[in-house]
Amino acid sequence: MKKVRVSYFAILREQRGLGSEQVSTEASTAAELYEELRRIHGFTLAPGRVRVAVNDEFGPWSAAVREGDAFAFLPPVAGG
């Protein structure tokens, strides 16, 4: 198990009820981590609608999950 920090924004933050948390995971990629969190928390957005940042830089869904990493999941934001 790896411990990572996860931050949620916009609708994901609303659905989770938290802005960030530390999680233990066996996921090996950002995509696996998001799918794991999606199952647990009932997120409604598919990965194709969300961007991922790893350690403060946008990255691919194939980015490796390493102990101590920080992930941010950012859905599209409506503007007006």
Protein backbone atom coordinates (compact mmCIF):
# COMPACT_ATOMS: atom_id res chain seq x y z
CA MET A 1 0.00 0.00 0.00
CA LYS A 2 1.15 3.50 -0.87
CA LYS A 3 -0.01 6.64 0.90
CA VAL A 4 -0.76 9.58 -1.37
CA ARG A 5 -2.45 12.95 -0.99
CA VAL A 6 -5.51 13.58 -3.14
CA SER A 7 -7.16 16.94 -3.80
CA TYR A 8 -10.64 17.32 -5.27
CA PHE A 9 -12.11 20.32 -7.06
CA ALA A 10 -15.55 21.55 -8.17
CA ILE A 11 -18.17 18.77 -8.40
CA LEU A 12 -15.73 16.12 -7.16
CA ARG A 13 -15.18 18.18 -4.01
CA GLU A 14 -18.94 18.45 -3.55
CA GLN A 15 -19.49 14.74 -4.10
CA ARG A 16 -16.66 13.75 -1.73
CA GLY A 17 -17.49 16.39 0.89
CA LEU A 18 -13.78 17.14 1.33
CA GLY A 19 -11.21 19.23 -0.49
CA SER A 20 -8.36 16.81 0.13
CA GLU A 21 -7.39 13.69 2.00
CA GLN A 22 -4.62 11.18 2.43
CA VAL A 23 -5.44 7.75 1.02
CA SER A 24 -3.79 4.34 1.00
CA THR A 25 -3.91 2.63 -2.37
CA GLU A 26 -2.53 -0.23 -4.36
CA ALA A 27 -3.23 1.60 -7.65
CA SER A 28 -0.24 1.73 -9.98
CA THR A 29 -1.43 4.57 -12.25
CA ALA A 30 -3.39 7.79 -11.87
CA ALA A 31 -6.22 6.18 -13.87
CA GLU A 32 -6.42 3.24 -11.46
CA LEU A 33 -6.38 5.62 -8.50
CA TYR A 34 -9.24 7.69 -9.93
CA GLU A 35 -11.30 4.58 -10.70
CA GLU A 36 -10.72 3.30 -7.15
CA LEU A 37 -11.83 6.63 -5.67
CA ARG A 38 -14.75 6.81 -8.11
CA ARG A 39 -16.06 3.45 -6.89
CA ILE A 40 -15.62 4.34 -3.22
CA HIS A 41 -17.07 7.87 -3.36
CA GLY A 42 -19.57 7.54 -6.22
CA PHE A 43 -18.04 10.18 -8.47
CA THR A 44 -20.24 10.73 -11.50
CA LEU A 45 -17.61 12.04 -13.92
CA ALA A 46 -15.84 9.64 -16.25
CA PRO A 47 -12.04 10.00 -16.43
CA GLY A 48 -12.31 11.55 -19.90
CA ARG A 49 -14.01 14.56 -18.32
CA VAL A 50 -11.35 15.07 -15.63
CA ARG A 51 -7.74 16.27 -15.75
CA VAL A 52 -5.13 14.89 -13.40
CA ALA A 53 -2.17 16.70 -11.89
CA VAL A 54 0.66 14.84 -10.21
CA ASN A 55 2.86 16.78 -7.82
CA ASP A 56 1.47 20.10 -9.09
CA GLU A 57 1.94 19.37 -12.81
CA PHE A 58 -0.70 18.21 -15.27
CA GLY A 59 0.13 14.71 -16.36
CA PRO A 60 -1.16 11.68 -18.23
CA TRP A 61 -3.54 9.15 -16.74
CA SER A 62 -0.71 6.64 -17.11
CA ALA A 63 1.41 8.51 -14.52
CA ALA A 64 2.78 6.14 -11.88
CA VAL A 65 1.51 6.28 -8.30
CA ARG A 66 4.39 6.52 -5.85
CA GLU A 67 4.51 6.81 -2.08
CA GLY A 68 4.07 10.44 -1.01
CA ASP A 69 2.81 11.74 -4.38
CA ALA A 70 0.13 14.42 -4.52
CA PHE A 71 -2.72 13.99 -7.00
CA ALA A 72 -5.33 16.57 -7.96
CA PHE A 73 -8.44 15.70 -9.95
CA LEU A 74 -9.87 18.69 -11.82
CA PRO A 75 -13.19 18.49 -13.63
CA PRO A 76 -14.24 21.05 -16.22
CA VAL A 77 -15.36 24.31 -14.67
CA ALA A 78 -18.31 26.20 -16.09
CA GLY A 79 -17.72 29.88 -16.66
CA GLY A 80 -20.08 32.71 -17.29
